[in-house]
Amino acid sequence: MKKIILVLAALIVMLPLTSFAKAIISDDELSELTAQQGVTISFSGLSISNVALAVQSWGDSDGFTLYTNSGWVGAAIAMTGDVVALSGAMTIDVGSSGTLSAVRIGLPSVSIGSSTFQVDQIVKLSTAKTLSGTQTLGTAYMSGLTATVTGALTITAH
């Protein structure tokens, strides 16, 4: 055992001291370095589509003159196409201005609606908020809803 310890001690002493040396770099070399930490969350083809909303109605519990019972108007709604789509990367970083620290969340590309997004509605009158036992007034249609959300969210304490 003593021999093993002596051999290890000799090896450590024999290592050249330059193997522990650190190289000095110039200010020019240092200015080209960028340190980066943070989190990146990648979204690829994530979408929410064909959202179903069975009924949306509005009512009055006491009616009006000659029509004193509750009444409801609303629509049975069907949506098709992409409602929300996410792509690209979301980044999360923390930094400080020297006096205030902050969390910055860089948003991915968020698209609301699309060229395929459509809403079909059957507009109805009813005595029930579920629009059962209805009288159909007609139909309503909507398409072409598009919106794009971009930018970043910065969170600080106050």
C-alpha atoms as a PDB file:
ATOM      1  CA  MET A   1       0.000   0.000   0.000  1.00  0.00           C
ATOM      2  CA  LYS A   2       2.875   2.341   0.862  1.00  0.00           C
ATOM      3  CA  LYS A   3       4.387   1.691  -2.575  1.00  0.00           C
ATOM      4  CA  ILE A   4       1.168   2.722  -4.355  1.00  0.00           C
ATOM      5  CA  ILE A   5       0.957   5.966  -2.370  1.00  0.00           C
ATOM      6  CA  LEU A   6       4.634   6.745  -3.128  1.00  0.00           C
ATOM      7  CA  VAL A   7       4.123   6.092  -6.866  1.00  0.00           C
ATOM      8  CA  LEU A   8       1.029   8.376  -6.955  1.00  0.00           C
ATOM      9  CA  ALA A   9       2.891  11.118  -5.088  1.00  0.00           C
ATOM     10  CA  ALA A  10       5.812  10.855  -7.513  1.00  0.00           C
ATOM     11  CA  LEU A  11       3.477  11.099 -10.535  1.00  0.00           C
ATOM     12  CA  ILE A  12       1.811  14.234  -9.141  1.00  0.00           C
ATOM     13  CA  VAL A  13       5.176  15.879  -8.493  1.00  0.00           C
ATOM     14  CA  MET A  14       6.372  14.953 -11.979  1.00  0.00           C
ATOM     15  CA  LEU A  15       3.423  16.594 -13.770  1.00  0.00           C
ATOM     16  CA  PRO A  16       4.638  19.778 -15.383  1.00  0.00           C
ATOM     17  CA  LEU A  17       3.270  22.889 -13.727  1.00  0.00           C
ATOM     18  CA  THR A  18       2.400  24.316 -17.149  1.00  0.00           C
ATOM     19  CA  SER A  19      -0.402  21.767 -17.472  1.00  0.00           C
ATOM     20  CA  PHE A  20      -2.267  23.833 -14.847  1.00  0.00           C
ATOM     21  CA  ALA A  21      -1.540  27.197 -16.486  1.00  0.00           C
ATOM     22  CA  LYS A  22      -4.323  29.378 -17.920  1.00  0.00           C
ATOM     23  CA  ALA A  23      -3.897  31.219 -21.197  1.00  0.00           C
ATOM     24  CA  ILE A  24      -4.453  34.966 -21.204  1.00  0.00           C
ATOM     25  CA  ILE A  25      -6.545  36.286 -24.096  1.00  0.00           C
ATOM     26  CA  SER A  26      -6.516  39.788 -25.456  1.00  0.00           C
ATOM     27  CA  ASP A  27      -9.322  42.353 -25.083  1.00  0.00           C
ATOM     28  CA  ASP A  28     -10.087  41.976 -28.812  1.00  0.00           C
ATOM     29  CA  GLU A  29     -10.532  38.218 -28.430  1.00  0.00           C
ATOM     30  CA  LEU A  30     -12.622  38.752 -25.301  1.00  0.00           C
ATOM     31  CA  SER A  31     -14.932  41.258 -27.044  1.00  0.00           C
ATOM     32  CA  GLU A  32     -15.902  38.607 -29.604  1.00  0.00           C
ATOM     33  CA  LEU A  33     -17.096  36.131 -26.977  1.00  0.00           C
ATOM     34  CA  THR A  34     -20.775  35.865 -26.126  1.00  0.00           C
ATOM     35  CA  ALA A  35     -22.013  33.956 -23.129  1.00  0.00           C
ATOM     36  CA  GLN A  36     -25.532  32.655 -23.309  1.00  0.00           C
ATOM     37  CA  GLN A  37     -27.790  30.803 -20.954  1.00  0.00           C
ATOM     38  CA  GLY A  38     -31.516  30.344 -20.962  1.00  0.00           C
ATOM     39  CA  VAL A  39     -34.181  27.962 -22.123  1.00  0.00           C
ATOM     40  CA  THR A  40     -35.493  27.444 -25.643  1.00  0.00           C
ATOM     41  CA  ILE A  41     -38.757  25.600 -26.213  1.00  0.00           C
ATOM     42  CA  SER A  42     -39.366  24.675 -29.851  1.00  0.00           C
ATOM     43  CA  PHE A  43     -42.843  24.402 -31.319  1.00  0.00           C
ATOM     44  CA  SER A  44     -43.264  22.478 -34.543  1.00  0.00           C
ATOM     45  CA  GLY A  45     -46.646  22.164 -36.193  1.00  0.00           C
ATOM     46  CA  LEU A  46     -48.609  22.575 -32.956  1.00  0.00           C
ATOM     47  CA  SER A  47     -52.168  23.610 -33.727  1.00  0.00           C
ATOM     48  CA  ILE A  48     -55.622  23.663 -32.220  1.00  0.00           C
ATOM     49  CA  SER A  49     -58.293  22.968 -34.811  1.00  0.00           C
ATOM     50  CA  ASN A  50     -61.925  21.954 -35.236  1.00  0.00           C
ATOM     51  CA  VAL A  51     -62.990  23.496 -31.937  1.00  0.00           C
ATOM     52  CA  ALA A  52     -66.560  22.614 -31.022  1.00  0.00           C
ATOM     53  CA  LEU A  53     -68.925  24.965 -29.235  1.00  0.00           C
ATOM     54  CA  ALA A  54     -72.378  23.367 -29.046  1.00  0.00           C
ATOM     55  CA  VAL A  55     -74.494  26.376 -28.059  1.00  0.00           C
ATOM     56  CA  GLN A  56     -74.039  30.027 -27.244  1.00  0.00           C
ATOM     57  CA  SER A  57     -77.186  31.792 -26.074  1.00  0.00           C
ATOM     58  CA  TRP A  58     -78.440  34.954 -24.416  1.00  0.00           C
ATOM     59  CA  GLY A  59     -81.686  35.170 -22.490  1.00  0.00           C
ATOM     60  CA  ASP A  60     -84.110  37.187 -20.426  1.00  0.00           C
ATOM     61  CA  SER A  61     -85.767  35.500 -17.427  1.00  0.00           C
ATOM     62  CA  ASP A  62     -88.896  37.696 -17.250  1.00  0.00           C
ATOM     63  CA  GLY A  63     -89.614  38.532 -20.890  1.00  0.00           C
ATOM     64  CA  PHE A  64     -91.573  41.694 -21.772  1.00  0.00           C
ATOM     65  CA  THR A  65     -95.200  42.805 -22.314  1.00  0.00           C
ATOM     66  CA  LEU A  66     -97.331  40.005 -23.816  1.00  0.00           C
ATOM     67  CA  TYR A  67     -94.244  37.728 -23.825  1.00  0.00           C
ATOM     68  CA  THR A  68     -93.709  37.400 -20.071  1.00  0.00           C
ATOM     69  CA  ASN A  69     -91.932  34.021 -19.920  1.00  0.00           C
ATOM     70  CA  SER A  70     -88.200  33.610 -20.259  1.00  0.00           C
ATOM     71  CA  GLY A  71     -86.810  33.600 -23.754  1.00  0.00           C
ATOM     72  CA  TRP A  72     -83.466  32.829 -25.343  1.00  0.00           C
ATOM     73  CA  VAL A  73     -81.747  33.667 -28.590  1.00  0.00           C
ATOM     74  CA  GLY A  74     -78.503  32.083 -29.684  1.00  0.00           C
ATOM     75  CA  ALA A  75     -76.744  29.793 -32.079  1.00  0.00           C
ATOM     76  CA  ALA A  76     -75.574  26.246 -32.476  1.00  0.00           C
ATOM     77  CA  ILE A  77     -71.959  26.778 -33.555  1.00  0.00           C
ATOM     78  CA  ALA A  78     -69.516  24.642 -35.557  1.00  0.00           C
ATOM     79  CA  MET A  79     -65.919  25.791 -36.180  1.00  0.00           C
ATOM     80  CA  THR A  80     -63.521  24.164 -38.652  1.00  0.00           C
ATOM     81  CA  GLY A  81     -59.937  24.809 -39.641  1.00  0.00           C
ATOM     82  CA  ASP A  82     -56.965  25.912 -37.553  1.00  0.00           C
ATOM     83  CA  VAL A  83     -58.012  28.136 -34.648  1.00  0.00           C
ATOM     84  CA  VAL A  84     -54.538  28.599 -33.121  1.00  0.00           C
ATOM     85  CA  ALA A  85     -51.175  27.493 -34.519  1.00  0.00           C
ATOM     86  CA  LEU A  86     -47.767  27.802 -32.840  1.00  0.00           C
ATOM     87  CA  SER A  87     -44.408  27.525 -34.566  1.00  0.00           C
ATOM     88  CA  GLY A  88     -40.819  28.555 -33.964  1.00  0.00           C
ATOM     89  CA  ALA A  89     -39.145  28.897 -30.593  1.00  0.00           C
ATOM     90  CA  MET A  90     -40.096  30.389 -27.245  1.00  0.00           C
ATOM     91  CA  THR A  91     -37.101  31.621 -25.267  1.00  0.00           C
ATOM     92  CA  ILE A  92     -36.814  32.303 -21.558  1.00  0.00           C
ATOM     93  CA  ASP A  93     -33.895  34.381 -20.229  1.00  0.00           C
ATOM     94  CA  VAL A  94     -33.102  36.249 -17.029  1.00  0.00           C
ATOM     95  CA  GLY A  95     -31.043  39.456 -16.926  1.00  0.00           C
ATOM     96  CA  SER A  96     -30.355  42.583 -14.950  1.00  0.00           C
ATOM     97  CA  SER A  97     -29.973  46.263 -15.801  1.00  0.00           C
ATOM     98  CA  GLY A  98     -27.786  46.675 -12.737  1.00  0.00           C
ATOM     99  CA  THR A  99     -30.663  47.873 -10.561  1.00  0.00           C
ATOM    100  CA  LEU A 100     -33.576  45.734 -11.745  1.00  0.00           C
ATOM    101  CA  SER A 101     -33.681  42.047 -12.684  1.00  0.00           C
ATOM    102  CA  ALA A 102     -36.166  40.698 -15.205  1.00  0.00           C
ATOM    103  CA  VAL A 103     -37.393  37.544 -16.893  1.00  0.00           C
ATOM    104  CA  ARG A 104     -37.885  37.876 -20.661  1.00  0.00           C
ATOM    105  CA  ILE A 105     -40.090  35.395 -22.496  1.00  0.00           C
ATOM    106  CA  GLY A 106     -39.693  35.580 -26.276  1.00  0.00           C
ATOM    107  CA  LEU A 107     -42.900  34.319 -27.853  1.00  0.00           C
ATOM    108  CA  PRO A 108     -43.054  31.767 -30.648  1.00  0.00           C
ATOM    109  CA  SER A 109     -45.065  32.642 -33.743  1.00  0.00           C
ATOM    110  CA  VAL A 110     -48.720  32.451 -32.721  1.00  0.00           C
ATOM    111  CA  SER A 111     -51.328  32.543 -35.478  1.00  0.00           C
ATOM    112  CA  ILE A 112     -55.012  32.856 -34.633  1.00  0.00           C
ATOM    113  CA  GLY A 113     -57.371  31.746 -37.376  1.00  0.00           C
ATOM    114  CA  SER A 114     -56.301  30.827 -40.886  1.00  0.00           C
ATOM    115  CA  SER A 115     -57.546  30.806 -44.438  1.00  0.00           C
ATOM    116  CA  THR A 116     -59.292  27.520 -43.589  1.00  0.00           C
ATOM    117  CA  PHE A 117     -60.941  28.780 -40.376  1.00  0.00           C
ATOM    118  CA  GLN A 118     -64.737  28.932 -40.687  1.00  0.00           C
ATOM    119  CA  VAL A 119     -67.638  29.341 -38.267  1.00  0.00           C
ATOM    120  CA  ASP A 120     -71.149  28.154 -39.155  1.00  0.00           C
ATOM    121  CA  GLN A 121     -74.040  29.115 -36.881  1.00  0.00           C
ATOM    122  CA  ILE A 122     -77.715  28.219 -36.833  1.00  0.00           C
ATOM    123  CA  VAL A 123     -79.441  31.187 -35.153  1.00  0.00           C
ATOM    124  CA  LYS A 124     -82.415  30.138 -32.973  1.00  0.00           C
ATOM    125  CA  LEU A 125     -85.120  31.328 -30.569  1.00  0.00           C
ATOM    126  CA  SER A 126     -86.109  29.146 -27.633  1.00  0.00           C
ATOM    127  CA  THR A 127     -87.694  28.982 -24.201  1.00  0.00           C
ATOM    128  CA  ALA A 128     -84.542  27.201 -22.900  1.00  0.00           C
ATOM    129  CA  LYS A 129     -80.950  28.368 -22.709  1.00  0.00           C
ATOM    130  CA  THR A 130     -79.875  25.106 -24.390  1.00  0.00           C
ATOM    131  CA  LEU A 131     -81.995  26.217 -27.400  1.00  0.00           C
ATOM    132  CA  SER A 132     -84.038  22.998 -27.305  1.00  0.00           C
ATOM    133  CA  GLY A 133     -87.515  23.161 -28.865  1.00  0.00           C
ATOM    134  CA  THR A 134     -86.294  25.980 -31.054  1.00  0.00           C
ATOM    135  CA  GLN A 135     -87.525  28.241 -33.768  1.00  0.00           C
ATOM    136  CA  THR A 136     -84.823  28.744 -36.395  1.00  0.00           C
ATOM    137  CA  LEU A 137     -84.256  32.345 -37.482  1.00  0.00           C
ATOM    138  CA  GLY A 138     -81.565  31.589 -40.069  1.00  0.00           C
ATOM    139  CA  THR A 139     -77.874  30.952 -40.358  1.00  0.00           C
ATOM    140  CA  ALA A 140     -74.758  33.010 -39.852  1.00  0.00           C
ATOM    141  CA  TYR A 141     -71.314  32.397 -41.341  1.00  0.00           C
ATOM    142  CA  MET A 142     -67.846  33.774 -40.663  1.00  0.00           C
ATOM    143  CA  SER A 143     -64.484  33.064 -42.312  1.00  0.00           C
ATOM    144  CA  GLY A 144     -61.117  34.637 -42.867  1.00  0.00           C
ATOM    145  CA  LEU A 145     -60.322  35.429 -39.239  1.00  0.00           C
ATOM    146  CA  THR A 146     -56.558  35.860 -38.945  1.00  0.00           C
ATOM    147  CA  ALA A 147     -54.291  37.433 -36.353  1.00  0.00           C
ATOM    148  CA  THR A 148     -50.595  37.063 -35.605  1.00  0.00           C
ATOM    149  CA  VAL A 149     -49.098  37.530 -32.162  1.00  0.00           C
ATOM    150  CA  THR A 150     -45.374  38.351 -31.932  1.00  0.00           C
ATOM    151  CA  GLY A 151     -43.019  39.937 -29.443  1.00  0.00           C
ATOM    152  CA  ALA A 152     -41.807  39.275 -25.952  1.00  0.00           C
ATOM    153  CA  LEU A 153     -43.075  39.436 -22.406  1.00  0.00           C
ATOM    154  CA  THR A 154     -40.814  40.990 -19.749  1.00  0.00           C
ATOM    155  CA  ILE A 155     -41.559  40.347 -16.079  1.00  0.00           C
ATOM    156  CA  THR A 156     -40.041  42.484 -13.291  1.00  0.00           C
ATOM    157  CA  ALA A 157     -40.781  43.053  -9.623  1.00  0.00           C
ATOM    158  CA  HIS A 158     -42.215  46.384  -8.426  1.00  0.00           C
END
